[in-house]
PDB file of N, CA and C in Angstrom:
ATOM      1  N   UNK A   1       0.825  -1.183   0.000  1.00  0.00           N
ATOM      2  CA  UNK A   1       0.000   0.000   0.000  1.00  0.00           C
ATOM      3  C   UNK A   1       0.875   1.254   0.000  1.00  0.00           C
ATOM      4  N   UNK A   2       1.984   1.200   0.698  1.00  0.00           N
ATOM      5  CA  UNK A   2       2.883   2.368   0.747  1.00  0.00           C
ATOM      6  C   UNK A   2       3.401   2.690  -0.647  1.00  0.00           C
ATOM      7  N   UNK A   3       3.750   1.663  -1.399  1.00  0.00           N
ATOM      8  CA  UNK A   3       4.268   1.892  -2.749  1.00  0.00           C
ATOM      9  C   UNK A   3       3.223   2.581  -3.624  1.00  0.00           C
ATOM     10  N   UNK A   4       1.972   2.160  -3.494  1.00  0.00           N
ATOM     11  CA  UNK A   4       0.893   2.768  -4.276  1.00  0.00           C
ATOM     12  C   UNK A   4       0.676   4.223  -3.863  1.00  0.00           C
ATOM     13  N   UNK A   5       0.807   4.504  -2.580  1.00  0.00           N
ATOM     14  CA  UNK A   5       0.659   5.880  -2.123  1.00  0.00           C
ATOM     15  C   UNK A   5       1.801   6.732  -2.661  1.00  0.00           C
ATOM     16  N   UNK A   6       3.010   6.221  -2.614  1.00  0.00           N
ATOM     17  CA  UNK A   6       4.156   6.962  -3.153  1.00  0.00           C
ATOM     18  C   UNK A   6       3.986   7.193  -4.649  1.00  0.00           C
ATOM     19  N   UNK A   7       3.495   6.186  -5.360  1.00  0.00           N
ATOM     20  CA  UNK A   7       3.271   6.331  -6.799  1.00  0.00           C
ATOM     21  C   UNK A   7       2.228   7.407  -7.093  1.00  0.00           C
ATOM     22  N   UNK A   8       1.346   7.658  -6.140  1.00  0.00           N
ATOM     23  CA  UNK A   8       0.312   8.686  -6.282  1.00  0.00           C
ATOM     24  C   UNK A   8       0.777  10.049  -5.773  1.00  0.00           C
ATOM     25  N   UNK A   9       2.018  10.128  -5.313  1.00  0.00           N
ATOM     26  CA  UNK A   9       2.569  11.401  -4.854  1.00  0.00           C
ATOM     27  C   UNK A   9       2.351  11.684  -3.380  1.00  0.00           C
ATOM     28  N   UNK A  10       1.947  10.683  -2.619  1.00  0.00           N
ATOM     29  CA  UNK A  10       1.709  10.875  -1.186  1.00  0.00           C
ATOM     30  C   UNK A  10       2.931  10.376  -0.423  1.00  0.00           C
ATOM     31  N   UNK A  11       3.614  11.303   0.260  1.00  0.00           N
ATOM     32  CA  UNK A  11       4.842  10.974   0.972  1.00  0.00           C
ATOM     33  C   UNK A  11       4.835  11.425   2.436  1.00  0.00           C
ATOM     34  N   UNK A  12       3.880  12.295   2.804  1.00  0.00           N
ATOM     35  CA  UNK A  12       3.903  12.900   4.138  1.00  0.00           C
ATOM     36  C   UNK A  12       2.526  12.832   4.807  1.00  0.00           C
ATOM     37  N   UNK A  13       2.544  12.761   6.137  1.00  0.00           N
ATOM     38  CA  UNK A  13       1.304  12.708   6.902  1.00  0.00           C
ATOM     39  C   UNK A  13       0.444  13.943   6.685  1.00  0.00           C
ATOM     40  N   UNK A  14       1.081  15.104   6.550  1.00  0.00           N
ATOM     41  CA  UNK A  14       0.287  16.321   6.368  1.00  0.00           C
ATOM     42  C   UNK A  14      -0.504  16.299   5.064  1.00  0.00           C
ATOM     43  N   UNK A  15      -0.029  15.572   4.068  1.00  0.00           N
ATOM     44  CA  UNK A  15      -0.775  15.419   2.825  1.00  0.00           C
ATOM     45  C   UNK A  15      -2.067  14.642   3.085  1.00  0.00           C
ATOM     46  N   UNK A  16      -1.966  13.555   3.815  1.00  0.00           N
ATOM     47  CA  UNK A  16      -3.138  12.731   4.124  1.00  0.00           C
ATOM     48  C   UNK A  16      -4.103  13.522   5.004  1.00  0.00           C
ATOM     49  N   UNK A  17      -3.572  14.257   5.961  1.00  0.00           N
ATOM     50  CA  UNK A  17      -4.408  15.037   6.872  1.00  0.00           C
ATOM     51  C   UNK A  17      -5.257  16.063   6.117  1.00  0.00           C
ATOM     52  N   UNK A  18      -4.791  16.522   4.981  1.00  0.00           N
ATOM     53  CA  UNK A  18      -5.488  17.556   4.216  1.00  0.00           C
ATOM     54  C   UNK A  18      -6.416  16.999   3.138  1.00  0.00           C
ATOM     55  N   UNK A  19      -6.542  15.689   3.032  1.00  0.00           N
ATOM     56  CA  UNK A  19      -7.394  15.095   2.003  1.00  0.00           C
ATOM     57  C   UNK A  19      -8.842  15.538   2.144  1.00  0.00           C
ATOM     58  N   UNK A  20      -9.436  15.870   1.012  1.00  0.00           N
ATOM     59  CA  UNK A  20     -10.864  16.185   0.956  1.00  0.00           C
ATOM     60  C   UNK A  20     -11.644  14.875   0.842  1.00  0.00           C
ATOM     61  N   UNK A  21     -12.957  14.959   0.919  1.00  0.00           N
ATOM     62  CA  UNK A  21     -13.800  13.767   0.759  1.00  0.00           C
ATOM     63  C   UNK A  21     -13.560  13.129  -0.612  1.00  0.00           C
ATOM     64  N   UNK A  22     -13.407  13.960  -1.636  1.00  0.00           N
ATOM     65  CA  UNK A  22     -13.163  13.455  -2.991  1.00  0.00           C
ATOM     66  C   UNK A  22     -11.815  12.739  -3.071  1.00  0.00           C
ATOM     67  N   UNK A  23     -10.808  13.302  -2.428  1.00  0.00           N
ATOM     68  CA  UNK A  23      -9.486  12.665  -2.434  1.00  0.00           C
ATOM     69  C   UNK A  23      -9.499  11.351  -1.659  1.00  0.00           C
ATOM     70  N   UNK A  24     -10.247  11.326  -0.566  1.00  0.00           N
ATOM     71  CA  UNK A  24     -10.374  10.083   0.199  1.00  0.00           C
ATOM     72  C   UNK A  24     -11.033   9.011  -0.663  1.00  0.00           C
ATOM     73  N   UNK A  25     -12.102   9.375  -1.358  1.00  0.00           N
ATOM     74  CA  UNK A  25     -12.792   8.413  -2.230  1.00  0.00           C
ATOM     75  C   UNK A  25     -11.867   7.931  -3.346  1.00  0.00           C
ATOM     76  N   UNK A  26     -11.102   8.850  -3.932  1.00  0.00           N
ATOM     77  CA  UNK A  26     -10.168   8.490  -4.996  1.00  0.00           C
ATOM     78  C   UNK A  26      -9.105   7.516  -4.485  1.00  0.00           C
ATOM     79  N   UNK A  27      -8.488   7.836  -3.361  1.00  0.00           N
ATOM     80  CA  UNK A  27      -7.435   6.978  -2.822  1.00  0.00           C
ATOM     81  C   UNK A  27      -8.000   5.651  -2.320  1.00  0.00           C
ATOM     82  N   UNK A  28      -9.206   5.670  -1.803  1.00  0.00           N
ATOM     83  CA  UNK A  28      -9.860   4.440  -1.369  1.00  0.00           C
ATOM     84  C   UNK A  28      -9.994   3.483  -2.550  1.00  0.00           C
ATOM     85  N   UNK A  29     -10.401   4.028  -3.694  1.00  0.00           N
ATOM     86  CA  UNK A  29     -10.538   3.218  -4.908  1.00  0.00           C
ATOM     87  C   UNK A  29      -9.163   2.772  -5.420  1.00  0.00           C
ATOM     88  N   UNK A  30      -8.229   3.702  -5.451  1.00  0.00           N
ATOM     89  CA  UNK A  30      -6.885   3.408  -5.978  1.00  0.00           C
ATOM     90  C   UNK A  30      -6.172   2.344  -5.143  1.00  0.00           C
ATOM     91  N   UNK A  31      -6.365   2.398  -3.825  1.00  0.00           N
ATOM     92  CA  UNK A  31      -5.687   1.455  -2.931  1.00  0.00           C
ATOM     93  C   UNK A  31      -6.523   0.210  -2.644  1.00  0.00           C
ATOM     94  N   UNK A  32      -7.733   0.163  -3.203  1.00  0.00           N
ATOM     95  CA  UNK A  32      -8.668  -0.938  -2.925  1.00  0.00           C
ATOM     96  C   UNK A  32      -8.821  -1.115  -1.415  1.00  0.00           C
ATOM     97  N   UNK A  33      -9.009   0.015  -0.721  1.00  0.00           N
ATOM     98  CA  UNK A  33      -9.070   0.012   0.739  1.00  0.00           C
ATOM     99  C   UNK A  33     -10.455  -0.340   1.276  1.00  0.00           C
ATOM    100  N   UNK A  34     -11.461  -0.373   0.409  1.00  0.00           N
ATOM    101  CA  UNK A  34     -12.820  -0.774   0.775  1.00  0.00           C
ATOM    102  C   UNK A  34     -13.383  -0.015   1.982  1.00  0.00           C
ATOM    103  N   UNK A  35     -13.235   1.303   1.978  1.00  0.00           N
ATOM    104  CA  UNK A  35     -13.780   2.137   3.039  1.00  0.00           C
ATOM    105  C   UNK A  35     -12.894   2.303   4.254  1.00  0.00           C
ATOM    106  N   UNK A  36     -11.750   1.670   4.226  1.00  0.00           N
ATOM    107  CA  UNK A  36     -10.857   1.688   5.390  1.00  0.00           C
ATOM    108  C   UNK A  36     -10.345   3.087   5.720  1.00  0.00           C
ATOM    109  N   UNK A  37     -10.089   3.900   4.711  1.00  0.00           N
ATOM    110  CA  UNK A  37      -9.541   5.235   4.939  1.00  0.00           C
ATOM    111  C   UNK A  37     -10.493   6.062   5.804  1.00  0.00           C
ATOM    112  N   UNK A  38     -11.769   6.063   5.467  1.00  0.00           N
ATOM    113  CA  UNK A  38     -12.755   6.811   6.257  1.00  0.00           C
ATOM    114  C   UNK A  38     -13.038   6.107   7.576  1.00  0.00           C
ATOM    115  N   UNK A  39     -13.193   4.799   7.528  1.00  0.00           N
ATOM    116  CA  UNK A  39     -13.537   4.039   8.736  1.00  0.00           C
ATOM    117  C   UNK A  39     -12.469   4.182   9.818  1.00  0.00           C
ATOM    118  N   UNK A  40     -11.212   4.125   9.418  1.00  0.00           N
ATOM    119  CA  UNK A  40     -10.105   4.251  10.373  1.00  0.00           C
ATOM    120  C   UNK A  40      -9.676   5.702  10.586  1.00  0.00           C
ATOM    121  N   UNK A  41     -10.338   6.627   9.911  1.00  0.00           N
ATOM    122  CA  UNK A  41     -10.079   8.067  10.019  1.00  0.00           C
ATOM    123  C   UNK A  41      -8.599   8.401   9.835  1.00  0.00           C
ATOM    124  N   UNK A  42      -8.091   8.006   8.673  1.00  0.00           N
ATOM    125  CA  UNK A  42      -6.689   8.249   8.360  1.00  0.00           C
ATOM    126  C   UNK A  42      -6.329   9.723   8.469  1.00  0.00           C
ATOM    127  N   UNK A  43      -7.236  10.609   8.071  1.00  0.00           N
ATOM    128  CA  UNK A  43      -6.922  12.043   8.091  1.00  0.00           C
ATOM    129  C   UNK A  43      -6.623  12.515   9.510  1.00  0.00           C
ATOM    130  N   UNK A  44      -7.426  12.108  10.471  1.00  0.00           N
ATOM    131  CA  UNK A  44      -7.192  12.513  11.863  1.00  0.00           C
ATOM    132  C   UNK A  44      -5.913  11.885  12.410  1.00  0.00           C
ATOM    133  N   UNK A  45      -5.690  10.628  12.085  1.00  0.00           N
ATOM    134  CA  UNK A  45      -4.465   9.960  12.541  1.00  0.00           C
ATOM    135  C   UNK A  45      -3.237  10.638  11.936  1.00  0.00           C
ATOM    136  N   UNK A  46      -3.326  10.957  10.654  1.00  0.00           N
ATOM    137  CA  UNK A  46      -2.206  11.602   9.970  1.00  0.00           C
ATOM    138  C   UNK A  46      -1.943  12.994  10.537  1.00  0.00           C
ATOM    139  N   UNK A  47      -2.993  13.718  10.873  1.00  0.00           N
ATOM    140  CA  UNK A  47      -2.839  15.053  11.459  1.00  0.00           C
ATOM    141  C   UNK A  47      -2.088  14.954  12.784  1.00  0.00           C
ATOM    142  N   UNK A  48      -2.449  13.977  13.584  1.00  0.00           N
ATOM    143  CA  UNK A  48      -1.779  13.783  14.878  1.00  0.00           C
ATOM    144  C   UNK A  48      -0.303  13.442  14.662  1.00  0.00           C
ATOM    145  N   UNK A  49      -0.024  12.539  13.741  1.00  0.00           N
ATOM    146  CA  UNK A  49       1.362  12.147  13.475  1.00  0.00           C
ATOM    147  C   UNK A  49       2.179  13.304  12.904  1.00  0.00           C
ATOM    148  N   UNK A  50       1.562  14.088  12.036  1.00  0.00           N
ATOM    149  CA  UNK A  50       2.250  15.256  11.457  1.00  0.00           C
ATOM    150  C   UNK A  50       2.578  16.262  12.553  1.00  0.00           C
ATOM    151  N   UNK A  51       1.655  16.449  13.477  1.00  0.00           N
ATOM    152  CA  UNK A  51       1.855  17.380  14.593  1.00  0.00           C
ATOM    153  C   UNK A  51       3.018  16.912  15.478  1.00  0.00           C
ATOM    154  N   UNK A  52       3.102  15.618  15.708  1.00  0.00           N
ATOM    155  CA  UNK A  52       4.176  15.077  16.543  1.00  0.00           C
ATOM    156  C   UNK A  52       5.536  15.231  15.880  1.00  0.00           C
ATOM    157  N   UNK A  53       5.577  15.258  14.566  1.00  0.00           N
ATOM    158  CA  UNK A  53       6.835  15.378  13.823  1.00  0.00           C
ATOM    159  C   UNK A  53       7.396  16.788  13.878  1.00  0.00           C
ATOM    160  N   UNK A  54       6.556  17.772  14.173  1.00  0.00           N
ATOM    161  CA  UNK A  54       7.011  19.180  14.172  1.00  0.00           C
ATOM    162  C   UNK A  54       7.911  19.486  15.315  1.00  0.00           C
TER     163      UNK A  54
END
């Protein structure tokens, strides 16, 4: 999954934290995540991780 995200230009937590609903739907389809991105609230998790990195 990481390789697919990198191929899509996603390299940092702050990128995931800023995803719109449309971007979440796009990446969900691209990664065949079957709703996991929204269900696991990747954006909130990524925001927390990005904040810790600062």
